[in-house]
Amino acid sequence: MGAYPCSLTTEGRLEVEQLKAVWRVVEEPIGRSYDGRTIHLGLDLPPHGVAAVTMGCPADVLDAVEKAEPGSEPERAGP
């Protein structure tokens, strides 16, 4: 048996391939800005669109946050 059920028409197979192309995961940078302790992200999504955002943080910042008391502002390394 192939990749599709035998009952799927040629048009249906084409539609499946088009949907696969549209719904692929693409890594791309997004716009961002900072305001105090708030990060603003700029995303343009179509209706019912979904985005997964992965953010990284330098290890020294994560260490400072882990060591900080709850509710306190951790010391920042560098400028």
N, C-alpha and C. Protein backbone atom coordinates (compact mmCIF):
# COMPACT_ATOMS: atom_id res chain seq x y z
N MET A 1 0.85 -1.18 0.00
CA MET A 1 0.00 0.00 0.00
C MET A 1 0.89 1.23 0.00
N GLY A 2 0.48 2.29 -0.70
CA GLY A 2 1.27 3.51 -0.79
C GLY A 2 1.07 4.40 0.42
N ALA A 3 1.45 5.67 0.25
CA ALA A 3 1.36 6.63 1.34
C ALA A 3 -0.08 7.06 1.62
N TYR A 4 -0.97 6.86 0.66
CA TYR A 4 -2.36 7.29 0.80
C TYR A 4 -3.29 6.09 0.65
N PRO A 5 -4.46 6.16 1.30
CA PRO A 5 -5.45 5.09 1.09
C PRO A 5 -5.83 5.04 -0.39
N CYS A 6 -6.12 3.88 -0.89
CA CYS A 6 -6.42 3.74 -2.32
C CYS A 6 -7.70 4.48 -2.71
N SER A 7 -8.56 4.84 -1.75
CA SER A 7 -9.79 5.55 -2.07
C SER A 7 -9.58 7.04 -2.29
N LEU A 8 -8.38 7.56 -2.04
CA LEU A 8 -8.10 8.98 -2.21
C LEU A 8 -7.87 9.29 -3.68
N THR A 9 -8.60 10.26 -4.20
CA THR A 9 -8.48 10.62 -5.62
C THR A 9 -7.20 11.39 -5.87
N THR A 10 -6.87 11.57 -7.14
CA THR A 10 -5.69 12.35 -7.51
C THR A 10 -5.81 13.77 -6.97
N GLU A 11 -7.00 14.35 -7.06
CA GLU A 11 -7.22 15.69 -6.52
C GLU A 11 -7.04 15.70 -5.01
N GLY A 12 -7.52 14.67 -4.35
CA GLY A 12 -7.37 14.56 -2.90
C GLY A 12 -5.91 14.45 -2.50
N ARG A 13 -5.15 13.69 -3.25
CA ARG A 13 -3.72 13.54 -2.97
C ARG A 13 -3.01 14.88 -3.14
N LEU A 14 -3.38 15.63 -4.18
CA LEU A 14 -2.79 16.95 -4.41
C LEU A 14 -3.13 17.88 -3.25
N GLU A 15 -4.37 17.81 -2.78
CA GLU A 15 -4.78 18.66 -1.66
C GLU A 15 -4.00 18.31 -0.39
N VAL A 16 -3.78 17.02 -0.15
CA VAL A 16 -3.01 16.60 1.02
C VAL A 16 -1.59 17.15 0.92
N GLU A 17 -0.97 17.07 -0.24
CA GLU A 17 0.39 17.59 -0.41
C GLU A 17 0.43 19.10 -0.20
N GLN A 18 -0.59 19.82 -0.66
CA GLN A 18 -0.65 21.27 -0.47
C GLN A 18 -0.79 21.60 1.01
N LEU A 19 -1.63 20.84 1.72
CA LEU A 19 -1.79 21.07 3.16
C LEU A 19 -0.50 20.80 3.92
N LYS A 20 0.22 19.75 3.55
CA LYS A 20 1.50 19.45 4.18
C LYS A 20 2.47 20.62 4.00
N ALA A 21 2.48 21.21 2.81
CA ALA A 21 3.38 22.33 2.54
C ALA A 21 3.02 23.56 3.37
N VAL A 22 1.74 23.81 3.55
CA VAL A 22 1.29 24.97 4.31
C VAL A 22 1.53 24.80 5.80
N TRP A 23 1.38 23.59 6.32
CA TRP A 23 1.44 23.35 7.75
C TRP A 23 2.82 22.90 8.23
N ARG A 24 3.83 23.13 7.46
CA ARG A 24 5.18 22.75 7.88
C ARG A 24 5.67 23.71 8.97
N VAL A 25 6.63 23.27 9.73
CA VAL A 25 7.23 24.09 10.78
C VAL A 25 8.40 24.84 10.18
N VAL A 26 8.37 26.16 10.33
CA VAL A 26 9.42 27.00 9.78
C VAL A 26 10.04 27.83 10.90
N GLU A 27 11.34 27.77 11.01
CA GLU A 27 12.03 28.58 12.02
C GLU A 27 12.36 29.93 11.39
N GLU A 28 11.88 30.98 12.03
CA GLU A 28 12.18 32.33 11.54
C GLU A 28 12.18 33.30 12.72
N PRO A 29 12.98 34.36 12.60
CA PRO A 29 13.03 35.34 13.70
C PRO A 29 11.71 36.11 13.78
N ILE A 30 11.39 36.59 14.99
CA ILE A 30 10.19 37.41 15.15
C ILE A 30 10.58 38.75 15.77
N GLY A 31 9.78 39.76 15.51
CA GLY A 31 10.03 41.08 16.07
C GLY A 31 9.83 41.07 17.57
N ARG A 32 10.66 41.83 18.27
CA ARG A 32 10.54 41.89 19.73
C ARG A 32 10.98 43.25 20.22
N SER A 33 10.46 43.62 21.35
CA SER A 33 10.88 44.85 22.02
C SER A 33 10.78 44.62 23.53
N TYR A 34 11.45 45.48 24.28
CA TYR A 34 11.50 45.35 25.73
C TYR A 34 10.97 46.63 26.36
N ASP A 35 10.23 46.46 27.43
CA ASP A 35 9.71 47.60 28.17
C ASP A 35 9.79 47.24 29.64
N GLY A 36 10.85 47.71 30.30
CA GLY A 36 11.06 47.33 31.70
C GLY A 36 11.35 45.85 31.78
N ARG A 37 10.49 45.11 32.48
CA ARG A 37 10.67 43.65 32.60
C ARG A 37 9.73 42.89 31.69
N THR A 38 9.19 43.56 30.68
CA THR A 38 8.22 42.94 29.79
C THR A 38 8.81 42.80 28.39
N ILE A 39 8.64 41.65 27.80
CA ILE A 39 9.06 41.41 26.41
C ILE A 39 7.80 41.40 25.55
N HIS A 40 7.81 42.18 24.48
CA HIS A 40 6.70 42.21 23.53
C HIS A 40 7.14 41.51 22.25
N LEU A 41 6.33 40.56 21.79
CA LEU A 41 6.61 39.82 20.57
C LEU A 41 5.62 40.22 19.49
N GLY A 42 6.11 40.40 18.27
CA GLY A 42 5.24 40.77 17.15
C GLY A 42 5.04 39.59 16.22
N LEU A 43 3.81 39.08 16.16
CA LEU A 43 3.49 37.94 15.30
C LEU A 43 2.31 38.30 14.41
N ASP A 44 2.40 37.92 13.15
CA ASP A 44 1.28 38.06 12.23
C ASP A 44 0.77 36.66 11.92
N LEU A 45 -0.44 36.37 12.38
CA LEU A 45 -1.03 35.05 12.18
C LEU A 45 -2.36 35.18 11.46
N PRO A 46 -2.66 34.24 10.58
CA PRO A 46 -3.99 34.24 9.96
C PRO A 46 -5.02 33.80 10.98
N PRO A 47 -6.32 34.00 10.69
CA PRO A 47 -7.35 33.51 11.61
C PRO A 47 -7.13 32.03 11.89
N HIS A 48 -7.25 31.64 13.12
CA HIS A 48 -7.07 30.26 13.58
C HIS A 48 -5.63 29.79 13.41
N GLY A 49 -4.70 30.72 13.20
CA GLY A 49 -3.30 30.36 13.07
C GLY A 49 -2.71 29.99 14.42
N VAL A 50 -1.64 29.23 14.39
CA VAL A 50 -0.97 28.77 15.60
C VAL A 50 0.52 29.02 15.46
N ALA A 51 1.15 29.47 16.53
CA ALA A 51 2.60 29.68 16.52
C ALA A 51 3.21 29.06 17.77
N ALA A 52 4.37 28.50 17.62
CA ALA A 52 5.16 28.02 18.75
C ALA A 52 6.38 28.91 18.84
N VAL A 53 6.60 29.52 19.98
CA VAL A 53 7.72 30.44 20.16
C VAL A 53 8.69 29.83 21.16
N THR A 54 9.95 29.75 20.76
CA THR A 54 11.00 29.27 21.65
C THR A 54 11.93 30.43 21.93
N MET A 55 12.17 30.69 23.21
CA MET A 55 13.06 31.79 23.59
C MET A 55 14.25 31.22 24.33
N GLY A 56 15.40 31.81 24.09
CA GLY A 56 16.61 31.40 24.79
C GLY A 56 17.07 32.51 25.71
N CYS A 57 17.87 32.13 26.67
CA CYS A 57 18.38 33.09 27.64
C CYS A 57 19.79 32.64 28.01
N PRO A 58 20.75 33.58 28.08
CA PRO A 58 22.10 33.19 28.45
C PRO A 58 22.14 32.53 29.83
N ALA A 59 23.04 31.58 30.00
CA ALA A 59 23.13 30.80 31.23
C ALA A 59 23.36 31.67 32.46
N ASP A 60 24.15 32.75 32.33
CA ASP A 60 24.41 33.59 33.51
C ASP A 60 23.14 34.29 33.99
N VAL A 61 22.27 34.63 33.09
CA VAL A 61 21.00 35.25 33.48
C VAL A 61 20.12 34.23 34.19
N LEU A 62 20.06 33.02 33.65
CA LEU A 62 19.25 31.98 34.29
C LEU A 62 19.76 31.68 35.69
N ASP A 63 21.09 31.64 35.86
CA ASP A 63 21.66 31.41 37.19
C ASP A 63 21.26 32.51 38.16
N ALA A 64 21.30 33.76 37.70
CA ALA A 64 20.93 34.89 38.56
C ALA A 64 19.46 34.82 38.97
N VAL A 65 18.61 34.41 38.06
CA VAL A 65 17.18 34.30 38.36
C VAL A 65 16.94 33.20 39.37
N GLU A 66 17.62 32.06 39.20
CA GLU A 66 17.44 30.95 40.14
C GLU A 66 17.90 31.31 41.54
N LYS A 67 18.94 32.13 41.67
CA LYS A 67 19.50 32.50 42.97
C LYS A 67 18.74 33.64 43.63
N ALA A 68 17.94 34.38 42.88
CA ALA A 68 17.24 35.55 43.41
C ALA A 68 16.11 35.12 44.34
N GLU A 69 15.85 35.97 45.31
CA GLU A 69 14.72 35.76 46.21
C GLU A 69 13.43 36.02 45.44
N PRO A 70 12.34 35.31 45.77
CA PRO A 70 11.06 35.59 45.10
C PRO A 70 10.66 37.06 45.25
N GLY A 71 10.27 37.66 44.16
CA GLY A 71 9.85 39.06 44.17
C GLY A 71 10.97 40.06 44.04
N SER A 72 12.23 39.61 44.06
CA SER A 72 13.36 40.55 43.93
C SER A 72 13.84 40.60 42.49
N GLU A 73 14.56 41.64 42.19
CA GLU A 73 15.13 41.82 40.86
C GLU A 73 16.54 41.20 40.88
N PRO A 74 16.80 40.16 40.04
CA PRO A 74 18.14 39.56 40.04
C PRO A 74 19.17 40.51 39.47
N GLU A 75 20.41 40.39 39.95
CA GLU A 75 21.49 41.20 39.39
C GLU A 75 21.76 40.76 37.98
N ARG A 76 22.07 41.71 37.12
CA ARG A 76 22.31 41.39 35.73
C ARG A 76 23.79 41.48 35.41
N ALA A 77 24.28 40.54 34.65
CA ALA A 77 25.67 40.56 34.24
C ALA A 77 25.81 41.44 33.01
N GLY A 78 26.85 42.22 32.96
CA GLY A 78 27.12 43.06 31.79
C GLY A 78 26.28 44.32 31.75
N PRO A 79 26.41 45.05 30.63
CA PRO A 79 25.69 46.35 30.51
C PRO A 79 24.21 46.20 30.32
